[in-house]
PDB file of N, CA and C in Angstrom:
ATOM      1  N   MET A   1       0.847  -1.170   0.000  1.00  0.00           N
ATOM      2  CA  MET A   1       0.000   0.000   0.000  1.00  0.00           C
ATOM      3  C   MET A   1       0.895   1.236   0.000  1.00  0.00           C
ATOM      4  N   ARG A   2       0.378   2.325  -0.551  1.00  0.00           N
ATOM      5  CA  ARG A   2       1.134   3.575  -0.618  1.00  0.00           C
ATOM      6  C   ARG A   2       0.268   4.722  -0.125  1.00  0.00           C
ATOM      7  N   ARG A   3       0.934   5.733   0.424  1.00  0.00           N
ATOM      8  CA  ARG A   3       0.255   6.971   0.815  1.00  0.00           C
ATOM      9  C   ARG A   3       0.586   7.989  -0.265  1.00  0.00           C
ATOM     10  N   MET A   4      -0.451   8.437  -0.982  1.00  0.00           N
ATOM     11  CA  MET A   4      -0.251   9.434  -2.012  1.00  0.00           C
ATOM     12  C   MET A   4      -0.656  10.800  -1.462  1.00  0.00           C
ATOM     13  N   HIS A   5       0.264  11.728  -1.548  1.00  0.00           N
ATOM     14  CA  HIS A   5       0.032  13.086  -1.060  1.00  0.00           C
ATOM     15  C   HIS A   5      -0.419  13.945  -2.227  1.00  0.00           C
ATOM     16  N   TYR A   6      -1.444  14.759  -1.972  1.00  0.00           N
ATOM     17  CA  TYR A   6      -2.075  15.549  -3.017  1.00  0.00           C
ATOM     18  C   TYR A   6      -2.777  16.733  -2.392  1.00  0.00           C
ATOM     19  N   ALA A   7      -2.443  17.928  -2.842  1.00  0.00           N
ATOM     20  CA  ALA A   7      -3.142  19.160  -2.436  1.00  0.00           C
ATOM     21  C   ALA A   7      -3.234  19.318  -0.913  1.00  0.00           C
ATOM     22  N   GLY A   8      -2.143  19.065  -0.222  1.00  0.00           N
ATOM     23  CA  GLY A   8      -2.119  19.268   1.220  1.00  0.00           C
ATOM     24  C   GLY A   8      -2.699  18.133   2.037  1.00  0.00           C
ATOM     25  N   GLY A   9      -3.169  17.082   1.409  1.00  0.00           N
ATOM     26  CA  GLY A   9      -3.714  15.931   2.125  1.00  0.00           C
ATOM     27  C   GLY A   9      -3.084  14.661   1.591  1.00  0.00           C
ATOM     28  N   SER A  10      -3.603  13.532   2.024  1.00  0.00           N
ATOM     29  CA  SER A  10      -3.083  12.256   1.527  1.00  0.00           C
ATOM     30  C   SER A  10      -4.164  11.195   1.603  1.00  0.00           C
ATOM     31  N   VAL A  11      -3.986  10.162   0.796  1.00  0.00           N
ATOM     32  CA  VAL A  11      -4.890   9.011   0.796  1.00  0.00           C
ATOM     33  C   VAL A  11      -4.042   7.748   0.737  1.00  0.00           C
ATOM     34  N   LEU A  12      -4.624   6.643   1.176  1.00  0.00           N
ATOM     35  CA  LEU A  12      -3.979   5.335   1.082  1.00  0.00           C
ATOM     36  C   LEU A  12      -4.585   4.580  -0.088  1.00  0.00           C
ATOM     37  N   LEU A  13      -3.709   4.032  -0.924  1.00  0.00           N
ATOM     38  CA  LEU A  13      -4.199   3.263  -2.060  1.00  0.00           C
ATOM     39  C   LEU A  13      -3.206   2.173  -2.407  1.00  0.00           C
ATOM     40  N   GLY A  14      -3.652   1.242  -3.218  1.00  0.00           N
ATOM     41  CA  GLY A  14      -2.799   0.124  -3.607  1.00  0.00           C
ATOM     42  C   GLY A  14      -1.637   0.557  -4.479  1.00  0.00           C
ATOM     43  N   ASP A  15      -0.563  -0.214  -4.427  1.00  0.00           N
ATOM     44  CA  ASP A  15       0.652   0.095  -5.203  1.00  0.00           C
ATOM     45  C   ASP A  15       0.351   0.253  -6.690  1.00  0.00           C
ATOM     46  N   ARG A  16      -0.339  -0.735  -7.267  1.00  0.00           N
ATOM     47  CA  ARG A  16      -0.598  -0.698  -8.707  1.00  0.00           C
ATOM     48  C   ARG A  16      -1.487   0.479  -9.071  1.00  0.00           C
ATOM     49  N   THR A  17      -2.464   0.771  -8.239  1.00  0.00           N
ATOM     50  CA  THR A  17      -3.343   1.909  -8.507  1.00  0.00           C
ATOM     51  C   THR A  17      -2.548   3.199  -8.439  1.00  0.00           C
ATOM     52  N   CYS A  18      -1.711   3.322  -7.447  1.00  0.00           N
ATOM     53  CA  CYS A  18      -0.900   4.523  -7.270  1.00  0.00           C
ATOM     54  C   CYS A  18       0.007   4.742  -8.482  1.00  0.00           C
ATOM     55  N   LYS A  19       0.675   3.695  -8.913  1.00  0.00           N
ATOM     56  CA  LYS A  19       1.567   3.816 -10.071  1.00  0.00           C
ATOM     57  C   LYS A  19       0.792   4.201 -11.321  1.00  0.00           C
ATOM     58  N   ALA A  20      -0.401   3.636 -11.506  1.00  0.00           N
ATOM     59  CA  ALA A  20      -1.217   3.978 -12.673  1.00  0.00           C
ATOM     60  C   ALA A  20      -1.653   5.438 -12.626  1.00  0.00           C
ATOM     61  N   VAL A  21      -2.020   5.939 -11.440  1.00  0.00           N
ATOM     62  CA  VAL A  21      -2.411   7.346 -11.293  1.00  0.00           C
ATOM     63  C   VAL A  21      -1.221   8.248 -11.606  1.00  0.00           C
ATOM     64  N   LEU A  22      -0.051   7.931 -11.069  1.00  0.00           N
ATOM     65  CA  LEU A  22       1.129   8.759 -11.307  1.00  0.00           C
ATOM     66  C   LEU A  22       1.530   8.772 -12.784  1.00  0.00           C
ATOM     67  N   ARG A  23       1.469   7.620 -13.428  1.00  0.00           N
ATOM     68  CA  ARG A  23       1.800   7.569 -14.856  1.00  0.00           C
ATOM     69  C   ARG A  23       0.813   8.398 -15.675  1.00  0.00           C
ATOM     70  N   TYR A  24      -0.478   8.292 -15.343  1.00  0.00           N
ATOM     71  CA  TYR A  24      -1.494   9.046 -16.072  1.00  0.00           C
ATOM     72  C   TYR A  24      -1.326  10.541 -15.821  1.00  0.00           C
ATOM     73  N   ALA A  25      -1.039  10.919 -14.586  1.00  0.00           N
ATOM     74  CA  ALA A  25      -0.827  12.336 -14.268  1.00  0.00           C
ATOM     75  C   ALA A  25       0.358  12.886 -15.057  1.00  0.00           C
ATOM     76  N   ARG A  26       1.432  12.124 -15.150  1.00  0.00           N
ATOM     77  CA  ARG A  26       2.602  12.562 -15.918  1.00  0.00           C
ATOM     78  C   ARG A  26       2.248  12.714 -17.392  1.00  0.00           C
ATOM     79  N   ALA A  27       1.512  11.743 -17.953  1.00  0.00           N
ATOM     80  CA  ALA A  27       1.125  11.815 -19.366  1.00  0.00           C
ATOM     81  C   ALA A  27       0.246  13.029 -19.627  1.00  0.00           C
ATOM     82  N   LEU A  28      -0.706  13.295 -18.726  1.00  0.00           N
ATOM     83  CA  LEU A  28      -1.557  14.475 -18.877  1.00  0.00           C
ATOM     84  C   LEU A  28      -0.735  15.754 -18.832  1.00  0.00           C
ATOM     85  N   ALA A  29       0.205  15.822 -17.914  1.00  0.00           N
ATOM     86  CA  ALA A  29       1.030  17.027 -17.788  1.00  0.00           C
ATOM     87  C   ALA A  29       1.850  17.250 -19.051  1.00  0.00           C
ATOM     88  N   GLU A  30       2.359  16.184 -19.633  1.00  0.00           N
ATOM     89  CA  GLU A  30       3.202  16.321 -20.819  1.00  0.00           C
ATOM     90  C   GLU A  30       2.442  16.853 -22.029  1.00  0.00           C
ATOM     91  N   VAL A  31       1.128  16.593 -22.078  1.00  0.00           N
ATOM     92  CA  VAL A  31       0.329  17.093 -23.206  1.00  0.00           C
ATOM     93  C   VAL A  31      -0.550  18.279 -22.794  1.00  0.00           C
ATOM     94  N   ARG A  32      -0.311  18.774 -21.585  1.00  0.00           N
ATOM     95  CA  ARG A  32      -1.022  19.947 -21.059  1.00  0.00           C
ATOM     96  C   ARG A  32      -2.542  19.770 -21.069  1.00  0.00           C
ATOM     97  N   GLN A  33      -2.969  18.628 -20.554  1.00  0.00           N
ATOM     98  CA  GLN A  33      -4.396  18.328 -20.427  1.00  0.00           C
ATOM     99  C   GLN A  33      -4.697  17.979 -18.981  1.00  0.00           C
ATOM    100  N   SER A  34      -5.980  17.913 -18.664  1.00  0.00           N
ATOM    101  CA  SER A  34      -6.377  17.509 -17.319  1.00  0.00           C
ATOM    102  C   SER A  34      -7.547  16.541 -17.418  1.00  0.00           C
ATOM    103  N   ASP A  35      -7.808  15.854 -16.325  1.00  0.00           N
ATOM    104  CA  ASP A  35      -8.896  14.879 -16.272  1.00  0.00           C
ATOM    105  C   ASP A  35      -9.263  14.664 -14.815  1.00  0.00           C
ATOM    106  N   ILE A  36     -10.468  14.203 -14.591  1.00  0.00           N
ATOM    107  CA  ILE A  36     -10.909  13.805 -13.249  1.00  0.00           C
ATOM    108  C   ILE A  36     -11.013  12.288 -13.252  1.00  0.00           C
ATOM    109  N   VAL A  37     -10.364  11.660 -12.286  1.00  0.00           N
ATOM    110  CA  VAL A  37     -10.397  10.205 -12.174  1.00  0.00           C
ATOM    111  C   VAL A  37     -10.968   9.823 -10.811  1.00  0.00           C
ATOM    112  N   THR A  38     -11.597   8.670 -10.775  1.00  0.00           N
ATOM    113  CA  THR A  38     -12.145   8.121  -9.532  1.00  0.00           C
ATOM    114  C   THR A  38     -11.388   6.838  -9.232  1.00  0.00           C
ATOM    115  N   ILE A  39     -10.819   6.781  -8.025  1.00  0.00           N
ATOM    116  CA  ILE A  39     -10.017   5.619  -7.655  1.00  0.00           C
ATOM    117  C   ILE A  39     -10.413   5.132  -6.264  1.00  0.00           C
ATOM    118  N   PRO A  40     -10.239   3.833  -6.008  1.00  0.00           N
ATOM    119  CA  PRO A  40     -10.534   3.304  -4.673  1.00  0.00           C
ATOM    120  C   PRO A  40      -9.398   3.628  -3.704  1.00  0.00           C
ATOM    121  N   VAL A  41      -9.768   4.117  -2.534  1.00  0.00           N
ATOM    122  CA  VAL A  41      -8.790   4.424  -1.485  1.00  0.00           C
ATOM    123  C   VAL A  41      -9.255   3.791  -0.181  1.00  0.00           C
ATOM    124  N   ALA A  42      -8.313   3.574   0.722  1.00  0.00           N
ATOM    125  CA  ALA A  42      -8.650   3.024   2.039  1.00  0.00           C
ATOM    126  C   ALA A  42      -9.196   4.147   2.906  1.00  0.00           C
ATOM    127  N   SER A  43     -10.314   3.895   3.560  1.00  0.00           N
ATOM    128  CA  SER A  43     -10.895   4.897   4.449  1.00  0.00           C
ATOM    129  C   SER A  43     -10.252   4.801   5.828  1.00  0.00           C
ATOM    130  N   GLU A  44     -10.489   5.807   6.638  1.00  0.00           N
ATOM    131  CA  GLU A  44      -9.941   5.824   8.005  1.00  0.00           C
ATOM    132  C   GLU A  44     -10.415   4.613   8.808  1.00  0.00           C
ATOM    133  N   GLY A  45     -11.621   4.139   8.551  1.00  0.00           N
ATOM    134  CA  GLY A  45     -12.168   3.007   9.289  1.00  0.00           C
ATOM    135  C   GLY A  45     -11.766   1.656   8.742  1.00  0.00           C
ATOM    136  N   GLY A  46     -10.934   1.647   7.693  1.00  0.00           N
ATOM    137  CA  GLY A  46     -10.471   0.382   7.139  1.00  0.00           C
ATOM    138  C   GLY A  46     -11.270  -0.101   5.945  1.00  0.00           C
ATOM    139  N   GLY A  47     -12.318   0.609   5.571  1.00  0.00           N
ATOM    140  CA  GLY A  47     -13.103   0.223   4.403  1.00  0.00           C
ATOM    141  C   GLY A  47     -12.507   0.802   3.129  1.00  0.00           C
ATOM    142  N   VAL A  48     -13.287   0.730   2.074  1.00  0.00           N
ATOM    143  CA  VAL A  48     -12.865   1.266   0.784  1.00  0.00           C
ATOM    144  C   VAL A  48     -13.844   2.349   0.367  1.00  0.00           C
ATOM    145  N   GLU A  49     -13.317   3.487  -0.007  1.00  0.00           N
ATOM    146  CA  GLU A  49     -14.106   4.617  -0.490  1.00  0.00           C
ATOM    147  C   GLU A  49     -13.640   4.968  -1.891  1.00  0.00           C
ATOM    148  N   GLN A  50     -14.442   5.727  -2.608  1.00  0.00           N
ATOM    149  CA  GLN A  50     -14.066   6.224  -3.925  1.00  0.00           C
ATOM    150  C   GLN A  50     -13.635   7.678  -3.788  1.00  0.00           C
ATOM    151  N   ALA A  51     -12.453   8.003  -4.286  1.00  0.00           N
ATOM    152  CA  ALA A  51     -11.940   9.373  -4.229  1.00  0.00           C
ATOM    153  C   ALA A  51     -11.848   9.919  -5.651  1.00  0.00           C
ATOM    154  N   HIS A  52     -12.141  11.193  -5.804  1.00  0.00           N
ATOM    155  CA  HIS A  52     -12.069  11.863  -7.102  1.00  0.00           C
ATOM    156  C   HIS A  52     -10.857  12.781  -7.092  1.00  0.00           C
ATOM    157  N   PHE A  53     -10.036  12.668  -8.134  1.00  0.00           N
ATOM    158  CA  PHE A  53      -8.832  13.483  -8.254  1.00  0.00           C
ATOM    159  C   PHE A  53      -8.868  14.262  -9.557  1.00  0.00           C
ATOM    160  N   LEU A  54      -8.523  15.525  -9.472  1.00  0.00           N
ATOM    161  CA  LEU A  54      -8.300  16.329 -10.662  1.00  0.00           C
ATOM    162  C   LEU A  54      -6.813  16.243 -10.974  1.00  0.00           C
ATOM    163  N   LEU A  55      -6.486  15.657 -12.118  1.00  0.00           N
ATOM    164  CA  LEU A  55      -5.096  15.496 -12.530  1.00  0.00           C
ATOM    165  C   LEU A  55      -4.821  16.397 -13.721  1.00  0.00           C
ATOM    166  N   GLY A  56      -3.664  16.990 -13.735  1.00  0.00           N
ATOM    167  CA  GLY A  56      -3.300  17.826 -14.862  1.00  0.00           C
ATOM    168  C   GLY A  56      -1.915  18.394 -14.714  1.00  0.00           C
ATOM    169  N   PRO A  57      -1.580  19.369 -15.567  1.00  0.00           N
ATOM    170  CA  PRO A  57      -0.224  19.926 -15.569  1.00  0.00           C
ATOM    171  C   PRO A  57       0.215  20.523 -14.228  1.00  0.00           C
ATOM    172  N   ALA A  58      -0.714  21.012 -13.445  1.00  0.00           N
ATOM    173  CA  ALA A  58      -0.343  21.640 -12.173  1.00  0.00           C
ATOM    174  C   ALA A  58      -0.400  20.671 -10.989  1.00  0.00           C
ATOM    175  N   SER A  59      -0.754  19.413 -11.237  1.00  0.00           N
ATOM    176  CA  SER A  59      -0.852  18.439 -10.143  1.00  0.00           C
ATOM    177  C   SER A  59       0.510  18.198  -9.521  1.00  0.00           C
ATOM    178  N   GLN A  60       0.547  18.220  -8.209  1.00  0.00           N
ATOM    179  CA  GLN A  60       1.771  17.917  -7.473  1.00  0.00           C
ATOM    180  C   GLN A  60       1.491  16.709  -6.600  1.00  0.00           C
ATOM    181  N   LEU A  61       1.928  15.569  -7.067  1.00  0.00           N
ATOM    182  CA  LEU A  61       1.678  14.294  -6.401  1.00  0.00           C
ATOM    183  C   LEU A  61       2.992  13.657  -5.999  1.00  0.00           C
ATOM    184  N   PHE A  62       2.962  12.960  -4.875  1.00  0.00           N
ATOM    185  CA  PHE A  62       4.065  12.059  -4.557  1.00  0.00           C
ATOM    186  C   PHE A  62       3.524  10.977  -3.648  1.00  0.00           C
ATOM    187  N   SER A  63       4.205   9.843  -3.646  1.00  0.00           N
ATOM    188  CA  SER A  63       3.739   8.731  -2.827  1.00  0.00           C
ATOM    189  C   SER A  63       4.906   8.128  -2.065  1.00  0.00           C
ATOM    190  N   VAL A  64       4.558   7.526  -0.936  1.00  0.00           N
ATOM    191  CA  VAL A  64       5.536   6.829  -0.105  1.00  0.00           C
ATOM    192  C   VAL A  64       4.930   5.495   0.311  1.00  0.00           C
ATOM    193  N   PRO A  65       5.762   4.471   0.487  1.00  0.00           N
ATOM    194  CA  PRO A  65       5.226   3.183   0.935  1.00  0.00           C
ATOM    195  C   PRO A  65       4.717   3.266   2.364  1.00  0.00           C
ATOM    196  N   VAL A  66       3.733   2.436   2.666  1.00  0.00           N
ATOM    197  CA  VAL A  66       3.181   2.345   4.017  1.00  0.00           C
ATOM    198  C   VAL A  66       3.566   0.976   4.559  1.00  0.00           C
ATOM    199  N   GLU A  67       4.368   0.972   5.601  1.00  0.00           N
ATOM    200  CA  GLU A  67       4.829  -0.278   6.202  1.00  0.00           C
ATOM    201  C   GLU A  67       3.703  -0.951   6.990  1.00  0.00           C
ATOM    202  N   ASN A  68       3.700  -2.274   6.958  1.00  0.00           N
ATOM    203  CA  ASN A  68       2.769  -3.076   7.751  1.00  0.00           C
ATOM    204  C   ASN A  68       1.320  -2.628   7.589  1.00  0.00           C
ATOM    205  N   SER A  69       0.930  -2.342   6.358  1.00  0.00           N
ATOM    206  CA  SER A  69      -0.440  -1.881   6.115  1.00  0.00           C
ATOM    207  C   SER A  69      -1.360  -3.059   5.845  1.00  0.00           C
ATOM    208  N   ALA A  70      -2.633  -2.805   6.004  1.00  0.00           N
ATOM    209  CA  ALA A  70      -3.653  -3.819   5.723  1.00  0.00           C
ATOM    210  C   ALA A  70      -3.743  -4.005   4.206  1.00  0.00           C
ATOM    211  N   ASP A  71      -4.634  -4.869   3.779  1.00  0.00           N
ATOM    212  CA  ASP A  71      -4.825  -5.086   2.354  1.00  0.00           C
ATOM    213  C   ASP A  71      -5.189  -3.779   1.664  1.00  0.00           C
ATOM    214  N   ALA A  72      -4.583  -3.555   0.533  1.00  0.00           N
ATOM    215  CA  ALA A  72      -4.811  -2.325  -0.221  1.00  0.00           C
ATOM    216  C   ALA A  72      -6.059  -2.460  -1.088  1.00  0.00           C
ATOM    217  N   PRO A  73      -6.788  -1.372  -1.251  1.00  0.00           N
ATOM    218  CA  PRO A  73      -7.923  -1.415  -2.176  1.00  0.00           C
ATOM    219  C   PRO A  73      -7.412  -1.718  -3.580  1.00  0.00           C
ATOM    220  N   PHE A  74      -8.133  -2.561  -4.304  1.00  0.00           N
ATOM    221  CA  PHE A  74      -7.697  -2.952  -5.641  1.00  0.00           C
ATOM    222  C   PHE A  74      -8.909  -3.022  -6.546  1.00  0.00           C
ATOM    223  N   ASP A  75      -8.830  -2.388  -7.698  1.00  0.00           N
ATOM    224  CA  ASP A  75      -9.890  -2.453  -8.696  1.00  0.00           C
ATOM    225  C   ASP A  75      -9.217  -2.561 -10.057  1.00  0.00           C
ATOM    226  N   ALA A  76      -9.221  -3.764 -10.614  1.00  0.00           N
ATOM    227  CA  ALA A  76      -8.533  -4.017 -11.885  1.00  0.00           C
ATOM    228  C   ALA A  76      -9.090  -3.146 -13.005  1.00  0.00           C
ATOM    229  N   GLU A  77     -10.393  -2.868 -12.980  1.00  0.00           N
ATOM    230  CA  GLU A  77     -10.988  -2.040 -14.027  1.00  0.00           C
ATOM    231  C   GLU A  77     -10.469  -0.604 -13.975  1.00  0.00           C
ATOM    232  N   VAL A  78     -10.293  -0.069 -12.777  1.00  0.00           N
ATOM    233  CA  VAL A  78      -9.757   1.289 -12.629  1.00  0.00           C
ATOM    234  C   VAL A  78      -8.338   1.347 -13.170  1.00  0.00           C
ATOM    235  N   ILE A  79      -7.519   0.365 -12.818  1.00  0.00           N
ATOM    236  CA  ILE A  79      -6.135   0.334 -13.293  1.00  0.00           C
ATOM    237  C   ILE A  79      -6.108   0.207 -14.810  1.00  0.00           C
ATOM    238  N   ALA A  80      -6.922  -0.679 -15.366  1.00  0.00           N
ATOM    239  CA  ALA A  80      -6.973  -0.853 -16.819  1.00  0.00           C
ATOM    240  C   ALA A  80      -7.407   0.441 -17.506  1.00  0.00           C
ATOM    241  N   HIS A  81      -8.382   1.134 -16.935  1.00  0.00           N
ATOM    242  CA  HIS A  81      -8.843   2.405 -17.506  1.00  0.00           C
ATOM    243  C   HIS A  81      -7.721   3.449 -17.499  1.00  0.00           C
ATOM    244  N   LEU A  82      -7.035   3.578 -16.375  1.00  0.00           N
ATOM    245  CA  LEU A  82      -5.941   4.543 -16.281  1.00  0.00           C
ATOM    246  C   LEU A  82      -4.825   4.208 -17.271  1.00  0.00           C
ATOM    247  N   GLU A  83      -4.518   2.933 -17.410  1.00  0.00           N
ATOM    248  CA  GLU A  83      -3.472   2.528 -18.352  1.00  0.00           C
ATOM    249  C   GLU A  83      -3.891   2.787 -19.793  1.00  0.00           C
ATOM    250  N   ARG A  84      -5.168   2.553 -20.122  1.00  0.00           N
ATOM    251  CA  ARG A  84      -5.665   2.860 -21.473  1.00  0.00           C
ATOM    252  C   ARG A  84      -5.567   4.348 -21.760  1.00  0.00           C
ATOM    253  N   MET A  85      -5.960   5.159 -20.784  1.00  0.00           N
ATOM    254  CA  MET A  85      -5.913   6.607 -20.972  1.00  0.00           C
ATOM    255  C   MET A  85      -4.476   7.089 -21.129  1.00  0.00           C
ATOM    256  N   THR A  86      -3.564   6.504 -20.366  1.00  0.00           N
ATOM    257  CA  THR A  86      -2.148   6.862 -20.488  1.00  0.00           C
ATOM    258  C   THR A  86      -1.637   6.502 -21.874  1.00  0.00           C
ATOM    259  N   ARG A  87      -1.961   5.295 -22.348  1.00  0.00           N
ATOM    260  CA  ARG A  87      -1.522   4.875 -23.683  1.00  0.00           C
ATOM    261  C   ARG A  87      -2.123   5.750 -24.774  1.00  0.00           C
ATOM    262  N   SER A  88      -3.343   6.236 -24.564  1.00  0.00           N
ATOM    263  CA  SER A  88      -3.955   7.082 -25.596  1.00  0.00           C
ATOM    264  C   SER A  88      -3.206   8.407 -25.738  1.00  0.00           C
ATOM    265  N   LEU A  89      -2.570   8.853 -24.657  1.00  0.00           N
ATOM    266  CA  LEU A  89      -1.782  10.082 -24.703  1.00  0.00           C
ATOM    267  C   LEU A  89      -0.360   9.828 -25.177  1.00  0.00           C
ATOM    268  N   HIS A  90       0.135   8.629 -24.940  1.00  0.00           N
ATOM    269  CA  HIS A  90       1.486   8.237 -25.334  1.00  0.00           C
ATOM    270  C   HIS A  90       1.417   6.889 -26.035  1.00  0.00           C
ATOM    271  N   PRO A  91       1.167   6.894 -27.348  1.00  0.00           N
ATOM    272  CA  PRO A  91       1.139   5.603 -28.052  1.00  0.00           C
ATOM    273  C   PRO A  91       2.463   4.873 -27.874  1.00  0.00           C
ATOM    274  N   PRO A  92       2.415   3.560 -27.823  1.00  0.00           N
ATOM    275  CA  PRO A  92       3.655   2.802 -27.623  1.00  0.00           C
ATOM    276  C   PRO A  92       4.623   3.009 -28.789  1.00  0.00           C
ATOM    277  N   THR A  93       5.880   2.980 -28.463  1.00  0.00           N
ATOM    278  CA  THR A  93       6.917   3.078 -29.485  1.00  0.00           C
ATOM    279  C   THR A  93       7.632   1.742 -29.559  1.00  0.00           C
ATOM    280  N   PRO A  94       8.149   1.398 -30.722  1.00  0.00           N
ATOM    281  CA  PRO A  94       8.830   0.108 -30.827  1.00  0.00           C
ATOM    282  C   PRO A  94      10.056   0.057 -29.925  1.00  0.00           C
ATOM    283  N   GLY A  95      10.236  -1.054 -29.294  1.00  0.00           N
ATOM    284  CA  GLY A  95      11.399  -1.232 -28.435  1.00  0.00           C
ATOM    285  C   GLY A  95      12.538  -1.858 -29.212  1.00  0.00           C
ATOM    286  N   TRP A  96      13.725  -1.683 -28.706  1.00  0.00           N
ATOM    287  CA  TRP A  96      14.906  -2.285 -29.310  1.00  0.00           C
ATOM    288  C   TRP A  96      15.299  -3.486 -28.476  1.00  0.00           C
ATOM    289  N   ASP A  97      15.572  -4.569 -29.169  1.00  0.00           N
ATOM    290  CA  ASP A  97      16.050  -5.748 -28.465  1.00  0.00           C
ATOM    291  C   ASP A  97      17.421  -5.458 -27.885  1.00  0.00           C
ATOM    292  N   GLU A  98      17.764  -6.213 -26.868  1.00  0.00           N
ATOM    293  CA  GLU A  98      19.090  -6.072 -26.257  1.00  0.00           C
ATOM    294  C   GLU A  98      20.164  -6.209 -27.327  1.00  0.00           C
ATOM    295  N   GLU A  99      19.997  -7.185 -28.186  1.00  0.00           N
ATOM    296  CA  GLU A  99      20.961  -7.408 -29.261  1.00  0.00           C
ATOM    297  C   GLU A  99      20.180  -7.532 -30.553  1.00  0.00           C
ATOM    298  N   MET A 100      20.399  -6.614 -31.462  1.00  0.00           N
ATOM    299  CA  MET A 100      19.673  -6.618 -32.731  1.00  0.00           C
ATOM    300  C   MET A 100      20.457  -7.463 -33.732  1.00  0.00           C
ATOM    301  N   THR A 101      20.013  -8.679 -33.938  1.00  0.00           N
ATOM    302  CA  THR A 101      20.767  -9.613 -34.769  1.00  0.00           C
ATOM    303  C   THR A 101      20.590  -9.353 -36.257  1.00  0.00           C
ATOM    304  N   ASP A 102      19.579  -8.604 -36.657  1.00  0.00           N
ATOM    305  CA  ASP A 102      19.351  -8.362 -38.080  1.00  0.00           C
ATOM    306  C   ASP A 102      20.120  -7.148 -38.608  1.00  0.00           C
ATOM    307  N   ILE A 103      20.848  -6.436 -37.748  1.00  0.00           N
ATOM    308  CA  ILE A 103      21.627  -5.270 -38.147  1.00  0.00           C
ATOM    309  C   ILE A 103      23.086  -5.553 -37.837  1.00  0.00           C
ATOM    310  N   PRO A 104      23.951  -5.423 -38.856  1.00  0.00           N
ATOM    311  CA  PRO A 104      25.362  -5.718 -38.602  1.00  0.00           C
ATOM    312  C   PRO A 104      25.975  -4.729 -37.624  1.00  0.00           C
ATOM    313  N   SER A 105      26.941  -5.194 -36.894  1.00  0.00           N
ATOM    314  CA  SER A 105      27.640  -4.354 -35.936  1.00  0.00           C
ATOM    315  C   SER A 105      28.447  -3.296 -36.673  1.00  0.00           C
ATOM    316  N   LEU A 106      28.512  -2.093 -36.105  1.00  0.00           N
ATOM    317  CA  LEU A 106      29.272  -1.009 -36.707  1.00  0.00           C
ATOM    318  C   LEU A 106      30.600  -0.796 -35.993  1.00  0.00           C
ATOM    319  N   GLU A 107      30.926  -1.665 -35.074  1.00  0.00           N
ATOM    320  CA  GLU A 107      32.147  -1.500 -34.310  1.00  0.00           C
ATOM    321  C   GLU A 107      33.400  -1.588 -35.166  1.00  0.00           C
ATOM    322  N   PHE A 108      33.333  -2.263 -36.318  1.00  0.00           N
ATOM    323  CA  PHE A 108      34.502  -2.425 -37.165  1.00  0.00           C
ATOM    324  C   PHE A 108      34.824  -1.154 -37.957  1.00  0.00           C
ATOM    325  N   LEU A 109      33.869  -0.232 -38.050  1.00  0.00           N
ATOM    326  CA  LEU A 109      34.100   0.990 -38.810  1.00  0.00           C
ATOM    327  C   LEU A 109      34.964   1.961 -38.020  1.00  0.00           C
ATOM    328  N   ASP A 110      35.881   2.586 -38.720  1.00  0.00           N
ATOM    329  CA  ASP A 110      36.748   3.560 -38.082  1.00  0.00           C
ATOM    330  C   ASP A 110      36.378   4.935 -38.603  1.00  0.00           C
ATOM    331  N   TYR A 111      35.713   5.696 -37.757  1.00  0.00           N
ATOM    332  CA  TYR A 111      35.273   7.032 -38.145  1.00  0.00           C
ATOM    333  C   TYR A 111      36.321   8.073 -37.757  1.00  0.00           C
ATOM    334  N   GLU A 112      36.566   8.957 -38.692  1.00  0.00           N
ATOM    335  CA  GLU A 112      37.449  10.093 -38.394  1.00  0.00           C
ATOM    336  C   GLU A 112      36.583  11.331 -38.301  1.00  0.00           C
ATOM    337  N   HIS A 113      36.700  12.044 -37.205  1.00  0.00           N
ATOM    338  CA  HIS A 113      35.938  13.259 -37.013  1.00  0.00           C
ATOM    339  C   HIS A 113      36.744  14.452 -37.541  1.00  0.00           C
ATOM    340  N   PRO A 114      36.092  15.367 -38.265  1.00  0.00           N
ATOM    341  CA  PRO A 114      36.808  16.530 -38.790  1.00  0.00           C
ATOM    342  C   PRO A 114      37.357  17.419 -37.716  1.00  0.00           C
TER     343      PRO A 114
END
């Protein structure tokens, strides 16, 4: 579980949810957009509540781990939604394999710089 600090307060939420919120907030900031998201958070009494967050370029978020915490609220649909929204702002780019076997090595070339 993580404690996410936001606008002078904080909430407790699951690790995966927290990471998805932070990634989405970063993506929104990079394209100068904002959105309101609803995520499950742990209530003071140990239950689960729904919290609404305004995320955007001015959002100042940070999270810290919570030691010896109870089970974290988890909603796979919320995480999937946040990840879809993040991908819509940042389409995936092709990755490079550790070793690209279809491209010859250029180490044998001797370049002279002017």
